[in-house]
Amino acid sequence: MWRIGLFSKKPAPLHGVPATRRVKRYAADSGYVYEYFYEGHRQWCDGQSRGLEFEFRVSSGRAQWLPAAVVIADDALAAWQAAHGFALTSTERYAIAKLALFQTFDGLAAPPERAVEVRVSTADAEAFADRLDL
């Protein structure tokens, strides 16, 4: 579900950029405490599918802040949206992106040393949506 060290293209501008960065903390299952803040989102396309990319900055000690992108492809949400009869809003997708980021933190044995990209799978999207009671 996650990959480290991507970001080869120049990204499109971010939308929904907060006026003030709010640093938040997450205590991962690994015992590490991560700090993160939301930078915004942008349209995402890899040539085969489209969706949204949510950009965060993460740190495990404030010495180094790394980019972390969570990509939610439209096709990863298609089955859930068809079953429930409505499309998820960007706010609901943001909530799924945060849960995916937390799941990634929980799965890392040590804090990352490079940029992180998380791609939300169909199964994870459905599980996160159900967990959020959407």
N, C-alpha and C. Protein backbone atom coordinates (compact mmCIF):
# COMPACT_ATOMS: atom_id res chain seq x y z
N MET A 1 0.80 -1.18 0.00
CA MET A 1 0.00 0.00 0.00
C MET A 1 0.86 1.26 0.00
N TRP A 2 2.05 1.24 0.51
CA TRP A 2 2.84 2.47 0.58
C TRP A 2 4.18 2.28 -0.10
N ARG A 3 4.72 3.39 -0.56
CA ARG A 3 6.04 3.39 -1.19
C ARG A 3 6.81 4.60 -0.67
N ILE A 4 8.11 4.45 -0.61
CA ILE A 4 8.96 5.53 -0.12
C ILE A 4 9.87 5.98 -1.26
N GLY A 5 10.08 7.30 -1.37
CA GLY A 5 11.05 7.85 -2.31
C GLY A 5 10.50 8.20 -3.68
N LEU A 6 9.20 8.43 -3.81
CA LEU A 6 8.64 8.80 -5.10
C LEU A 6 8.64 10.32 -5.24
N PHE A 7 7.84 10.89 -6.07
CA PHE A 7 7.74 12.32 -6.36
C PHE A 7 8.74 12.73 -7.43
N SER A 8 8.62 12.21 -8.61
CA SER A 8 9.56 12.54 -9.67
C SER A 8 9.09 13.71 -10.54
N LYS A 9 7.78 13.92 -10.69
CA LYS A 9 7.26 15.00 -11.52
C LYS A 9 7.04 16.25 -10.70
N LYS A 10 7.02 17.40 -11.39
CA LYS A 10 6.67 18.65 -10.71
C LYS A 10 5.17 18.62 -10.44
N PRO A 11 4.77 18.74 -9.18
CA PRO A 11 3.35 18.61 -8.84
C PRO A 11 2.54 19.85 -9.21
N ALA A 12 1.24 19.62 -9.40
CA ALA A 12 0.29 20.71 -9.63
C ALA A 12 0.12 21.50 -8.33
N PRO A 13 -0.39 22.73 -8.42
CA PRO A 13 -0.60 23.52 -7.20
C PRO A 13 -1.62 22.86 -6.26
N LEU A 14 -1.44 23.10 -4.98
CA LEU A 14 -2.34 22.55 -3.97
C LEU A 14 -3.59 23.42 -3.81
N HIS A 15 -4.71 22.76 -3.50
CA HIS A 15 -5.97 23.44 -3.19
C HIS A 15 -6.30 23.15 -1.73
N GLY A 16 -7.14 23.97 -1.15
CA GLY A 16 -7.56 23.75 0.23
C GLY A 16 -6.43 23.93 1.23
N VAL A 17 -5.48 24.78 0.89
CA VAL A 17 -4.34 25.01 1.78
C VAL A 17 -4.82 25.74 3.02
N PRO A 18 -4.56 25.21 4.20
CA PRO A 18 -5.01 25.88 5.42
C PRO A 18 -4.33 27.24 5.61
N ALA A 19 -5.05 28.18 6.17
CA ALA A 19 -4.49 29.51 6.43
C ALA A 19 -3.37 29.42 7.47
N THR A 20 -3.54 28.53 8.42
CA THR A 20 -2.55 28.31 9.47
C THR A 20 -2.26 26.83 9.57
N ARG A 21 -0.98 26.49 9.61
CA ARG A 21 -0.62 25.08 9.78
C ARG A 21 -0.84 24.67 11.23
N ARG A 22 -1.55 23.56 11.40
CA ARG A 22 -1.78 23.02 12.73
C ARG A 22 -1.01 21.71 12.84
N VAL A 23 0.02 21.72 13.64
CA VAL A 23 0.81 20.51 13.84
C VAL A 23 0.05 19.59 14.78
N LYS A 24 -0.13 18.35 14.34
CA LYS A 24 -0.84 17.36 15.13
C LYS A 24 0.09 16.19 15.40
N ARG A 25 -0.25 15.36 16.35
CA ARG A 25 0.57 14.20 16.72
C ARG A 25 -0.21 12.92 16.55
N TYR A 26 0.55 11.86 16.24
CA TYR A 26 -0.04 10.53 16.17
C TYR A 26 0.95 9.55 16.77
N ALA A 27 0.51 8.81 17.78
CA ALA A 27 1.33 7.78 18.40
C ALA A 27 1.08 6.47 17.67
N ALA A 28 2.07 6.02 16.91
CA ALA A 28 1.94 4.82 16.10
C ALA A 28 2.07 3.55 16.94
N ASP A 29 1.57 2.46 16.42
CA ASP A 29 1.68 1.16 17.09
C ASP A 29 3.13 0.76 17.32
N SER A 30 4.03 1.29 16.50
CA SER A 30 5.45 0.95 16.60
C SER A 30 6.10 1.60 17.82
N GLY A 31 5.43 2.55 18.45
CA GLY A 31 5.98 3.27 19.59
C GLY A 31 6.50 4.64 19.23
N TYR A 32 6.67 4.91 17.95
CA TYR A 32 7.13 6.23 17.52
C TYR A 32 5.96 7.21 17.55
N VAL A 33 6.27 8.45 17.87
CA VAL A 33 5.27 9.51 17.83
C VAL A 33 5.60 10.38 16.63
N TYR A 34 4.64 10.51 15.74
CA TYR A 34 4.81 11.32 14.54
C TYR A 34 4.07 12.63 14.69
N GLU A 35 4.65 13.67 14.16
CA GLU A 35 3.97 14.94 14.04
C GLU A 35 3.72 15.16 12.56
N TYR A 36 2.61 15.78 12.25
CA TYR A 36 2.26 15.99 10.84
C TYR A 36 1.40 17.24 10.73
N PHE A 37 1.39 17.79 9.54
CA PHE A 37 0.44 18.85 9.23
C PHE A 37 0.01 18.71 7.78
N TYR A 38 -1.20 19.17 7.54
CA TYR A 38 -1.83 19.09 6.22
C TYR A 38 -1.40 20.28 5.38
N GLU A 39 -1.01 20.00 4.12
CA GLU A 39 -0.58 21.06 3.21
C GLU A 39 -1.64 21.42 2.18
N GLY A 40 -2.53 20.47 1.82
CA GLY A 40 -3.55 20.71 0.81
C GLY A 40 -3.73 19.48 -0.05
N HIS A 41 -4.58 19.60 -1.07
CA HIS A 41 -4.82 18.48 -1.98
C HIS A 41 -4.76 18.97 -3.42
N ARG A 42 -4.62 18.01 -4.33
CA ARG A 42 -4.57 18.32 -5.76
C ARG A 42 -5.17 17.15 -6.54
N GLN A 43 -5.56 17.45 -7.76
CA GLN A 43 -6.00 16.38 -8.65
C GLN A 43 -4.82 15.49 -8.95
N TRP A 44 -5.07 14.21 -9.09
CA TRP A 44 -4.02 13.23 -9.33
C TRP A 44 -4.40 12.38 -10.53
N CYS A 45 -3.42 12.04 -11.36
CA CYS A 45 -3.63 11.16 -12.51
C CYS A 45 -2.33 10.45 -12.80
N ASP A 46 -2.40 9.14 -13.02
CA ASP A 46 -1.19 8.39 -13.36
C ASP A 46 -1.23 7.86 -14.79
N GLY A 47 -2.15 8.36 -15.60
CA GLY A 47 -2.29 7.90 -16.97
C GLY A 47 -3.35 6.83 -17.13
N GLN A 48 -3.67 6.11 -16.05
CA GLN A 48 -4.68 5.07 -16.10
C GLN A 48 -5.89 5.38 -15.24
N SER A 49 -5.66 6.06 -14.12
CA SER A 49 -6.77 6.41 -13.25
C SER A 49 -6.57 7.82 -12.69
N ARG A 50 -7.66 8.34 -12.15
CA ARG A 50 -7.66 9.70 -11.60
C ARG A 50 -8.11 9.64 -10.14
N GLY A 51 -7.89 10.74 -9.43
CA GLY A 51 -8.31 10.82 -8.05
C GLY A 51 -7.79 12.08 -7.41
N LEU A 52 -7.62 12.02 -6.09
CA LEU A 52 -7.08 13.14 -5.33
C LEU A 52 -5.83 12.70 -4.59
N GLU A 53 -4.88 13.63 -4.49
CA GLU A 53 -3.67 13.42 -3.72
C GLU A 53 -3.68 14.42 -2.57
N PHE A 54 -3.55 13.91 -1.36
CA PHE A 54 -3.52 14.74 -0.16
C PHE A 54 -2.08 14.83 0.31
N GLU A 55 -1.59 16.05 0.44
CA GLU A 55 -0.19 16.29 0.78
C GLU A 55 -0.07 16.66 2.25
N PHE A 56 0.83 15.97 2.95
CA PHE A 56 1.14 16.24 4.34
C PHE A 56 2.64 16.44 4.47
N ARG A 57 3.07 16.98 5.59
CA ARG A 57 4.48 16.99 6.00
C ARG A 57 4.51 16.22 7.30
N VAL A 58 5.49 15.32 7.44
CA VAL A 58 5.59 14.47 8.62
C VAL A 58 6.99 14.53 9.21
N SER A 59 7.04 14.29 10.50
CA SER A 59 8.31 14.27 11.22
C SER A 59 8.17 13.34 12.41
N SER A 60 9.30 12.78 12.81
CA SER A 60 9.29 11.97 14.03
C SER A 60 10.23 12.58 15.06
N GLY A 61 10.47 13.87 14.96
CA GLY A 61 11.33 14.51 15.93
C GLY A 61 11.61 15.97 15.60
N ARG A 62 10.93 16.50 14.62
CA ARG A 62 11.05 17.89 14.17
C ARG A 62 12.42 18.25 13.59
N ALA A 63 13.34 17.33 13.59
CA ALA A 63 14.64 17.62 12.99
C ALA A 63 14.52 17.68 11.47
N GLN A 64 13.65 16.85 10.94
CA GLN A 64 13.48 16.78 9.49
C GLN A 64 12.00 16.57 9.18
N TRP A 65 11.46 17.45 8.34
CA TRP A 65 10.07 17.33 7.88
C TRP A 65 10.10 16.78 6.46
N LEU A 66 9.39 15.70 6.24
CA LEU A 66 9.36 15.04 4.94
C LEU A 66 7.97 15.13 4.31
N PRO A 67 7.90 15.19 2.98
CA PRO A 67 6.59 15.15 2.33
C PRO A 67 5.99 13.75 2.40
N ALA A 68 4.69 13.71 2.59
CA ALA A 68 3.95 12.45 2.57
C ALA A 68 2.68 12.69 1.77
N ALA A 69 2.51 11.94 0.71
CA ALA A 69 1.33 12.07 -0.15
C ALA A 69 0.45 10.83 0.00
N VAL A 70 -0.84 11.06 0.14
CA VAL A 70 -1.81 9.97 0.18
C VAL A 70 -2.68 10.11 -1.06
N VAL A 71 -2.63 9.11 -1.92
CA VAL A 71 -3.38 9.11 -3.18
C VAL A 71 -4.61 8.23 -3.03
N ILE A 72 -5.76 8.82 -3.33
CA ILE A 72 -7.01 8.06 -3.34
C ILE A 72 -7.56 8.13 -4.75
N ALA A 73 -7.39 7.05 -5.47
CA ALA A 73 -7.88 6.97 -6.84
C ALA A 73 -9.40 6.81 -6.84
N ASP A 74 -10.04 7.41 -7.83
CA ASP A 74 -11.50 7.29 -7.95
C ASP A 74 -11.94 5.83 -8.05
N ASP A 75 -11.15 5.01 -8.76
CA ASP A 75 -11.55 3.61 -8.92
C ASP A 75 -11.43 2.81 -7.62
N ALA A 76 -10.62 3.30 -6.66
CA ALA A 76 -10.53 2.64 -5.36
C ALA A 76 -11.82 2.84 -4.55
N LEU A 77 -12.56 3.90 -4.88
CA LEU A 77 -13.80 4.20 -4.17
C LEU A 77 -15.04 3.76 -4.94
N ALA A 78 -14.88 3.34 -6.18
CA ALA A 78 -16.02 3.08 -7.06
C ALA A 78 -17.00 2.05 -6.49
N ALA A 79 -16.50 0.93 -6.00
CA ALA A 79 -17.40 -0.12 -5.50
C ALA A 79 -18.18 0.36 -4.27
N TRP A 80 -17.49 1.04 -3.36
CA TRP A 80 -18.17 1.54 -2.16
C TRP A 80 -19.23 2.56 -2.53
N GLN A 81 -18.89 3.50 -3.41
CA GLN A 81 -19.84 4.54 -3.82
C GLN A 81 -21.04 3.95 -4.55
N ALA A 82 -20.81 2.94 -5.39
CA ALA A 82 -21.92 2.29 -6.09
C ALA A 82 -22.84 1.58 -5.10
N ALA A 83 -22.27 0.92 -4.11
CA ALA A 83 -23.06 0.19 -3.13
C ALA A 83 -23.88 1.11 -2.23
N HIS A 84 -23.36 2.33 -1.98
CA HIS A 84 -24.04 3.25 -1.08
C HIS A 84 -24.82 4.35 -1.79
N GLY A 85 -24.65 4.46 -3.10
CA GLY A 85 -25.46 5.38 -3.89
C GLY A 85 -25.07 6.84 -3.82
N PHE A 86 -23.89 7.15 -3.36
CA PHE A 86 -23.44 8.55 -3.39
C PHE A 86 -21.92 8.62 -3.44
N ALA A 87 -21.43 9.75 -3.94
CA ALA A 87 -19.99 9.97 -4.04
C ALA A 87 -19.49 10.64 -2.77
N LEU A 88 -18.29 10.27 -2.36
CA LEU A 88 -17.70 10.88 -1.17
C LEU A 88 -17.22 12.29 -1.48
N THR A 89 -17.38 13.19 -0.53
CA THR A 89 -16.92 14.57 -0.68
C THR A 89 -15.40 14.62 -0.47
N SER A 90 -14.80 15.75 -0.79
CA SER A 90 -13.35 15.88 -0.57
C SER A 90 -13.04 15.84 0.93
N THR A 91 -13.94 16.29 1.77
CA THR A 91 -13.74 16.22 3.23
C THR A 91 -13.73 14.77 3.70
N GLU A 92 -14.64 13.96 3.17
CA GLU A 92 -14.68 12.54 3.52
C GLU A 92 -13.45 11.82 2.98
N ARG A 93 -13.00 12.20 1.80
CA ARG A 93 -11.77 11.62 1.25
C ARG A 93 -10.56 12.02 2.10
N TYR A 94 -10.56 13.26 2.61
CA TYR A 94 -9.49 13.70 3.50
C TYR A 94 -9.44 12.82 4.75
N ALA A 95 -10.59 12.50 5.31
CA ALA A 95 -10.64 11.63 6.49
C ALA A 95 -10.07 10.26 6.17
N ILE A 96 -10.38 9.73 5.00
CA ILE A 96 -9.83 8.44 4.58
C ILE A 96 -8.31 8.57 4.40
N ALA A 97 -7.86 9.68 3.85
CA ALA A 97 -6.42 9.91 3.66
C ALA A 97 -5.69 9.91 5.00
N LYS A 98 -6.26 10.56 6.02
CA LYS A 98 -5.63 10.57 7.34
C LYS A 98 -5.55 9.18 7.92
N LEU A 99 -6.60 8.39 7.79
CA LEU A 99 -6.56 7.02 8.30
C LEU A 99 -5.51 6.20 7.57
N ALA A 100 -5.37 6.42 6.26
CA ALA A 100 -4.34 5.71 5.49
C ALA A 100 -2.95 6.12 5.94
N LEU A 101 -2.76 7.40 6.22
CA LEU A 101 -1.47 7.88 6.73
C LEU A 101 -1.17 7.24 8.08
N PHE A 102 -2.14 7.19 8.96
CA PHE A 102 -1.94 6.57 10.27
C PHE A 102 -1.62 5.08 10.14
N GLN A 103 -2.31 4.41 9.23
CA GLN A 103 -2.05 2.98 9.00
C GLN A 103 -0.61 2.79 8.53
N THR A 104 -0.13 3.69 7.69
CA THR A 104 1.25 3.62 7.22
C THR A 104 2.21 3.82 8.38
N PHE A 105 1.96 4.82 9.23
CA PHE A 105 2.80 5.03 10.41
C PHE A 105 2.84 3.77 11.28
N ASP A 106 1.68 3.15 11.46
CA ASP A 106 1.61 1.94 12.29
C ASP A 106 2.43 0.80 11.69
N GLY A 107 2.55 0.76 10.37
CA GLY A 107 3.24 -0.34 9.70
C GLY A 107 4.74 -0.15 9.53
N LEU A 108 5.25 1.04 9.84
CA LEU A 108 6.68 1.30 9.68
C LEU A 108 7.45 0.85 10.92
N ALA A 109 8.55 0.12 10.72
CA ALA A 109 9.38 -0.32 11.83
C ALA A 109 10.19 0.85 12.40
N ALA A 110 10.50 1.82 11.55
CA ALA A 110 11.25 3.01 11.96
C ALA A 110 10.75 4.18 11.13
N PRO A 111 10.94 5.40 11.60
CA PRO A 111 10.49 6.56 10.83
C PRO A 111 11.16 6.61 9.45
N PRO A 112 10.45 7.06 8.44
CA PRO A 112 11.02 7.13 7.09
C PRO A 112 12.13 8.17 7.01
N GLU A 113 13.03 7.95 6.08
CA GLU A 113 14.13 8.90 5.85
C GLU A 113 13.96 9.66 4.55
N ARG A 114 12.93 9.28 3.76
CA ARG A 114 12.64 9.94 2.49
C ARG A 114 11.14 10.16 2.38
N ALA A 115 10.76 10.84 1.32
CA ALA A 115 9.34 11.12 1.05
C ALA A 115 8.54 9.82 1.02
N VAL A 116 7.31 9.91 1.46
CA VAL A 116 6.42 8.75 1.53
C VAL A 116 5.23 8.98 0.61
N GLU A 117 4.86 7.96 -0.16
CA GLU A 117 3.62 8.01 -0.94
C GLU A 117 2.78 6.81 -0.56
N VAL A 118 1.54 7.07 -0.19
CA VAL A 118 0.59 6.04 0.20
C VAL A 118 -0.49 5.98 -0.87
N ARG A 119 -0.78 4.80 -1.37
CA ARG A 119 -1.88 4.61 -2.31
C ARG A 119 -2.95 3.77 -1.62
N VAL A 120 -4.13 4.33 -1.53
CA VAL A 120 -5.22 3.66 -0.84
C VAL A 120 -5.83 2.60 -1.77
N SER A 121 -5.87 1.37 -1.29
CA SER A 121 -6.46 0.28 -2.07
C SER A 121 -7.98 0.30 -1.92
N THR A 122 -8.66 -0.46 -2.77
CA THR A 122 -10.12 -0.56 -2.71
C THR A 122 -10.55 -1.12 -1.36
N ALA A 123 -9.87 -2.17 -0.90
CA ALA A 123 -10.23 -2.80 0.38
C ALA A 123 -10.02 -1.82 1.54
N ASP A 124 -8.91 -1.10 1.52
CA ASP A 124 -8.66 -0.12 2.58
C ASP A 124 -9.67 1.02 2.53
N ALA A 125 -10.01 1.50 1.34
CA ALA A 125 -10.99 2.58 1.21
C ALA A 125 -12.33 2.16 1.81
N GLU A 126 -12.75 0.94 1.52
CA GLU A 126 -14.01 0.44 2.06
C GLU A 126 -13.95 0.30 3.57
N ALA A 127 -12.84 -0.22 4.09
CA ALA A 127 -12.68 -0.39 5.53
C ALA A 127 -12.66 0.98 6.24
N PHE A 128 -11.94 1.94 5.67
CA PHE A 128 -11.86 3.27 6.27
C PHE A 128 -13.23 3.96 6.25
N ALA A 129 -13.96 3.84 5.13
CA ALA A 129 -15.28 4.46 5.03
C ALA A 129 -16.23 3.87 6.05
N ASP A 130 -16.16 2.55 6.24
CA ASP A 130 -17.01 1.91 7.24
C ASP A 130 -16.60 2.33 8.64
N ARG A 131 -15.30 2.43 8.88
CA ARG A 131 -14.81 2.87 10.20
C ARG A 131 -15.27 4.29 10.52
N LEU A 132 -15.36 5.13 9.48
CA LEU A 132 -15.83 6.51 9.65
C LEU A 132 -17.35 6.61 9.70
N ASP A 133 -18.02 5.46 9.52
CA ASP A 133 -19.49 5.39 9.53
C ASP A 133 -20.10 6.28 8.45
N LEU A 134 -19.51 6.23 7.25
CA LEU A 134 -20.03 7.02 6.13
C LEU A 134 -21.15 6.30 5.42
